Amino acid sequence: MRALELEEGQVLSQIAQLERKREELDTALAALRETHGRMTGGDARSASAA
């Protein structure tokens, strides 16, 4: 894999942006797992096969 040609500031900015998105995704996934657990009356972890 070839490295992207970016300035250090751009790299740090992209890392920060992706970290925020990961946090948003983790929060959304946790909420969906909790909802699924309530719907099925089971353990929310059952939907975490991915």
PDB file of N, CA and C in Angstrom:
ATOM      1  N   MET A   1       0.846  -1.186   0.000  1.00  0.00           N
ATOM      2  CA  MET A   1       0.000   0.000   0.000  1.00  0.00           C
ATOM      3  C   MET A   1       0.885   1.240   0.000  1.00  0.00           C
ATOM      4  N   ARG A   2       0.623   2.143  -0.885  1.00  0.00           N
ATOM      5  CA  ARG A   2       1.414   3.362  -1.018  1.00  0.00           C
ATOM      6  C   ARG A   2       0.876   4.442  -0.092  1.00  0.00           C
ATOM      7  N   ALA A   3       1.761   5.158   0.562  1.00  0.00           N
ATOM      8  CA  ALA A   3       1.360   6.234   1.469  1.00  0.00           C
ATOM      9  C   ALA A   3       0.766   7.396   0.675  1.00  0.00           C
ATOM     10  N   LEU A   4      -0.232   8.033   1.262  1.00  0.00           N
ATOM     11  CA  LEU A   4      -0.819   9.215   0.643  1.00  0.00           C
ATOM     12  C   LEU A   4       0.154  10.379   0.768  1.00  0.00           C
ATOM     13  N   GLU A   5       0.143  11.260  -0.196  1.00  0.00           N
ATOM     14  CA  GLU A   5       1.012  12.429  -0.149  1.00  0.00           C
ATOM     15  C   GLU A   5       0.257  13.579   0.502  1.00  0.00           C
ATOM     16  N   LEU A   6       0.364  13.670   1.819  1.00  0.00           N
ATOM     17  CA  LEU A   6      -0.310  14.702   2.590  1.00  0.00           C
ATOM     18  C   LEU A   6       0.685  15.378   3.521  1.00  0.00           C
ATOM     19  N   GLU A   7       0.387  16.598   3.891  1.00  0.00           N
ATOM     20  CA  GLU A   7       1.175  17.303   4.896  1.00  0.00           C
ATOM     21  C   GLU A   7       0.837  16.731   6.267  1.00  0.00           C
ATOM     22  N   GLU A   8       1.745  16.908   7.222  1.00  0.00           N
ATOM     23  CA  GLU A   8       1.524  16.369   8.563  1.00  0.00           C
ATOM     24  C   GLU A   8       0.223  16.888   9.172  1.00  0.00           C
ATOM     25  N   GLY A   9      -0.063  18.167   9.000  1.00  0.00           N
ATOM     26  CA  GLY A   9      -1.294  18.742   9.539  1.00  0.00           C
ATOM     27  C   GLY A   9      -2.536  18.087   8.960  1.00  0.00           C
ATOM     28  N   GLN A  10      -2.482  17.772   7.664  1.00  0.00           N
ATOM     29  CA  GLN A  10      -3.607  17.103   7.017  1.00  0.00           C
ATOM     30  C   GLN A  10      -3.794  15.699   7.585  1.00  0.00           C
ATOM     31  N   VAL A  11      -2.681  15.014   7.807  1.00  0.00           N
ATOM     32  CA  VAL A  11      -2.752  13.661   8.361  1.00  0.00           C
ATOM     33  C   VAL A  11      -3.372  13.700   9.752  1.00  0.00           C
ATOM     34  N   LEU A  12      -2.903  14.619  10.589  1.00  0.00           N
ATOM     35  CA  LEU A  12      -3.439  14.721  11.946  1.00  0.00           C
ATOM     36  C   LEU A  12      -4.916  15.100  11.938  1.00  0.00           C
ATOM     37  N   SER A  13      -5.304  15.971  11.017  1.00  0.00           N
ATOM     38  CA  SER A  13      -6.702  16.368  10.896  1.00  0.00           C
ATOM     39  C   SER A  13      -7.575  15.186  10.486  1.00  0.00           C
ATOM     40  N   GLN A  14      -7.099  14.402   9.537  1.00  0.00           N
ATOM     41  CA  GLN A  14      -7.851  13.228   9.092  1.00  0.00           C
ATOM     42  C   GLN A  14      -7.977  12.198  10.206  1.00  0.00           C
ATOM     43  N   ILE A  15      -6.891  11.995  10.955  1.00  0.00           N
ATOM     44  CA  ILE A  15      -6.938  11.057  12.081  1.00  0.00           C
ATOM     45  C   ILE A  15      -7.991  11.506  13.085  1.00  0.00           C
ATOM     46  N   ALA A  16      -7.985  12.787  13.433  1.00  0.00           N
ATOM     47  CA  ALA A  16      -8.949  13.312  14.402  1.00  0.00           C
ATOM     48  C   ALA A  16     -10.376  13.149  13.897  1.00  0.00           C
ATOM     49  N   GLN A  17     -10.597  13.438  12.614  1.00  0.00           N
ATOM     50  CA  GLN A  17     -11.933  13.308  12.035  1.00  0.00           C
ATOM     51  C   GLN A  17     -12.400  11.858  12.073  1.00  0.00           C
ATOM     52  N   LEU A  18     -11.527  10.930  11.731  1.00  0.00           N
ATOM     53  CA  LEU A  18     -11.901   9.517  11.738  1.00  0.00           C
ATOM     54  C   LEU A  18     -12.133   8.999  13.152  1.00  0.00           C
ATOM     55  N   GLU A  19     -11.366   9.494  14.119  1.00  0.00           N
ATOM     56  CA  GLU A  19     -11.586   9.112  15.517  1.00  0.00           C
ATOM     57  C   GLU A  19     -12.975   9.555  15.975  1.00  0.00           C
ATOM     58  N   ARG A  20     -13.373  10.788  15.604  1.00  0.00           N
ATOM     59  CA  ARG A  20     -14.714  11.277  15.970  1.00  0.00           C
ATOM     60  C   ARG A  20     -15.788  10.411  15.326  1.00  0.00           C
ATOM     61  N   LYS A  21     -15.600  10.080  14.067  1.00  0.00           N
ATOM     62  CA  LYS A  21     -16.586   9.238  13.381  1.00  0.00           C
ATOM     63  C   LYS A  21     -16.663   7.859  14.023  1.00  0.00           C
ATOM     64  N   ARG A  22     -15.509   7.317  14.428  1.00  0.00           N
ATOM     65  CA  ARG A  22     -15.511   6.013  15.092  1.00  0.00           C
ATOM     66  C   ARG A  22     -16.296   6.087  16.401  1.00  0.00           C
ATOM     67  N   GLU A  23     -16.110   7.170  17.155  1.00  0.00           N
ATOM     68  CA  GLU A  23     -16.864   7.340  18.397  1.00  0.00           C
ATOM     69  C   GLU A  23     -18.364   7.403  18.115  1.00  0.00           C
ATOM     70  N   GLU A  24     -18.743   8.126  17.058  1.00  0.00           N
ATOM     71  CA  GLU A  24     -20.157   8.210  16.685  1.00  0.00           C
ATOM     72  C   GLU A  24     -20.699   6.838  16.303  1.00  0.00           C
ATOM     73  N   LEU A  25     -19.926   6.088  15.542  1.00  0.00           N
ATOM     74  CA  LEU A  25     -20.354   4.744  15.137  1.00  0.00           C
ATOM     75  C   LEU A  25     -20.464   3.813  16.338  1.00  0.00           C
ATOM     76  N   ASP A  26     -19.497   3.877  17.248  1.00  0.00           N
ATOM     77  CA  ASP A  26     -19.548   3.037  18.447  1.00  0.00           C
ATOM     78  C   ASP A  26     -20.794   3.341  19.268  1.00  0.00           C
ATOM     79  N   THR A  27     -21.124   4.629  19.401  1.00  0.00           N
ATOM     80  CA  THR A  27     -22.319   5.029  20.144  1.00  0.00           C
ATOM     81  C   THR A  27     -23.582   4.518  19.459  1.00  0.00           C
ATOM     82  N   ALA A  28     -23.650   4.667  18.140  1.00  0.00           N
ATOM     83  CA  ALA A  28     -24.820   4.204  17.391  1.00  0.00           C
ATOM     84  C   ALA A  28     -24.958   2.689  17.476  1.00  0.00           C
ATOM     85  N   LEU A  29     -23.849   1.969  17.360  1.00  0.00           N
ATOM     86  CA  LEU A  29     -23.891   0.509  17.454  1.00  0.00           C
ATOM     87  C   LEU A  29     -24.358   0.055  18.831  1.00  0.00           C
ATOM     88  N   ALA A  30     -23.872   0.696  19.874  1.00  0.00           N
ATOM     89  CA  ALA A  30     -24.287   0.329  21.226  1.00  0.00           C
ATOM     90  C   ALA A  30     -25.787   0.550  21.405  1.00  0.00           C
ATOM     91  N   ALA A  31     -26.295   1.665  20.893  1.00  0.00           N
ATOM     92  CA  ALA A  31     -27.723   1.946  21.006  1.00  0.00           C
ATOM     93  C   ALA A  31     -28.546   0.916  20.240  1.00  0.00           C
ATOM     94  N   LEU A  32     -28.107   0.563  19.056  1.00  0.00           N
ATOM     95  CA  LEU A  32     -28.834  -0.433  18.267  1.00  0.00           C
ATOM     96  C   LEU A  32     -28.795  -1.808  18.925  1.00  0.00           C
ATOM     97  N   ARG A  33     -27.652  -2.172  19.497  1.00  0.00           N
ATOM     98  CA  ARG A  33     -27.562  -3.461  20.189  1.00  0.00           C
ATOM     99  C   ARG A  33     -28.491  -3.492  21.399  1.00  0.00           C
ATOM    100  N   GLU A  34     -28.554  -2.371  22.121  1.00  0.00           N
ATOM    101  CA  GLU A  34     -29.449  -2.291  23.273  1.00  0.00           C
ATOM    102  C   GLU A  34     -30.904  -2.409  22.826  1.00  0.00           C
ATOM    103  N   THR A  35     -31.255  -1.715  21.753  1.00  0.00           N
ATOM    104  CA  THR A  35     -32.614  -1.791  21.216  1.00  0.00           C
ATOM    105  C   THR A  35     -32.942  -3.210  20.782  1.00  0.00           C
ATOM    106  N   HIS A  36     -32.019  -3.848  20.089  1.00  0.00           N
ATOM    107  CA  HIS A  36     -32.245  -5.215  19.640  1.00  0.00           C
ATOM    108  C   HIS A  36     -32.427  -6.147  20.834  1.00  0.00           C
ATOM    109  N   GLY A  37     -31.628  -5.946  21.856  1.00  0.00           N
ATOM    110  CA  GLY A  37     -31.751  -6.764  23.059  1.00  0.00           C
ATOM    111  C   GLY A  37     -33.117  -6.620  23.706  1.00  0.00           C
ATOM    112  N   ARG A  38     -33.629  -5.383  23.748  1.00  0.00           N
ATOM    113  CA  ARG A  38     -34.972  -5.170  24.307  1.00  0.00           C
ATOM    114  C   ARG A  38     -36.036  -5.811  23.426  1.00  0.00           C
ATOM    115  N   MET A  39     -35.847  -5.753  22.106  1.00  0.00           N
ATOM    116  CA  MET A  39     -36.832  -6.322  21.180  1.00  0.00           C
ATOM    117  C   MET A  39     -36.908  -7.834  21.316  1.00  0.00           C
ATOM    118  N   THR A  40     -35.778  -8.457  21.526  1.00  0.00           N
ATOM    119  CA  THR A  40     -35.736  -9.915  21.578  1.00  0.00           C
ATOM    120  C   THR A  40     -35.771 -10.456  22.994  1.00  0.00           C
ATOM    121  N   GLY A  41     -35.633  -9.561  23.970  1.00  0.00           N
ATOM    122  CA  GLY A  41     -35.619  -9.999  25.358  1.00  0.00           C
ATOM    123  C   GLY A  41     -34.355 -10.761  25.710  1.00  0.00           C
ATOM    124  N   GLY A  42     -33.356 -10.640  24.849  1.00  0.00           N
ATOM    125  CA  GLY A  42     -32.122 -11.385  25.076  1.00  0.00           C
ATOM    126  C   GLY A  42     -30.938 -10.487  25.302  1.00  0.00           C
ATOM    127  N   ASP A  43     -29.779 -11.096  25.218  1.00  0.00           N
ATOM    128  CA  ASP A  43     -28.524 -10.394  25.391  1.00  0.00           C
ATOM    129  C   ASP A  43     -28.228  -9.583  24.133  1.00  0.00           C
ATOM    130  N   ALA A  44     -27.956  -8.306  24.285  1.00  0.00           N
ATOM    131  CA  ALA A  44     -27.692  -7.438  23.138  1.00  0.00           C
ATOM    132  C   ALA A  44     -26.449  -7.865  22.375  1.00  0.00           C
ATOM    133  N   ARG A  45     -25.555  -8.597  23.001  1.00  0.00           N
ATOM    134  CA  ARG A  45     -24.338  -9.035  22.326  1.00  0.00           C
ATOM    135  C   ARG A  45     -24.623 -10.025  21.202  1.00  0.00           C
ATOM    136  N   SER A  46     -25.813 -10.608  21.190  1.00  0.00           N
ATOM    137  CA  SER A  46     -26.134 -11.593  20.156  1.00  0.00           C
ATOM    138  C   SER A  46     -26.113 -10.986  18.758  1.00  0.00           C
ATOM    139  N   ALA A  47     -26.218  -9.663  18.658  1.00  0.00           N
ATOM    140  CA  ALA A  47     -26.224  -9.006  17.354  1.00  0.00           C
ATOM    141  C   ALA A  47     -24.841  -8.520  16.947  1.00  0.00           C
ATOM    142  N   SER A  48     -23.813  -8.903  17.677  1.00  0.00           N
ATOM    143  CA  SER A  48     -22.481  -8.368  17.396  1.00  0.00           C
ATOM    144  C   SER A  48     -21.599  -9.348  16.635  1.00  0.00           C
ATOM    145  N   ALA A  49     -22.151 -10.053  15.693  1.00  0.00           N
ATOM    146  CA  ALA A  49     -21.395 -11.054  14.937  1.00  0.00           C
ATOM    147  C   ALA A  49     -20.355 -10.426  14.020  1.00  0.00           C
ATOM    148  N   ALA A  50     -20.533  -9.169  13.662  1.00  0.00           N
ATOM    149  CA  ALA A  50     -19.618  -8.519  12.710  1.00  0.00           C
ATOM    150  C   ALA A  50     -18.264  -8.223  13.280  1.00  0.00           C
TER     151      ALA A  50
END
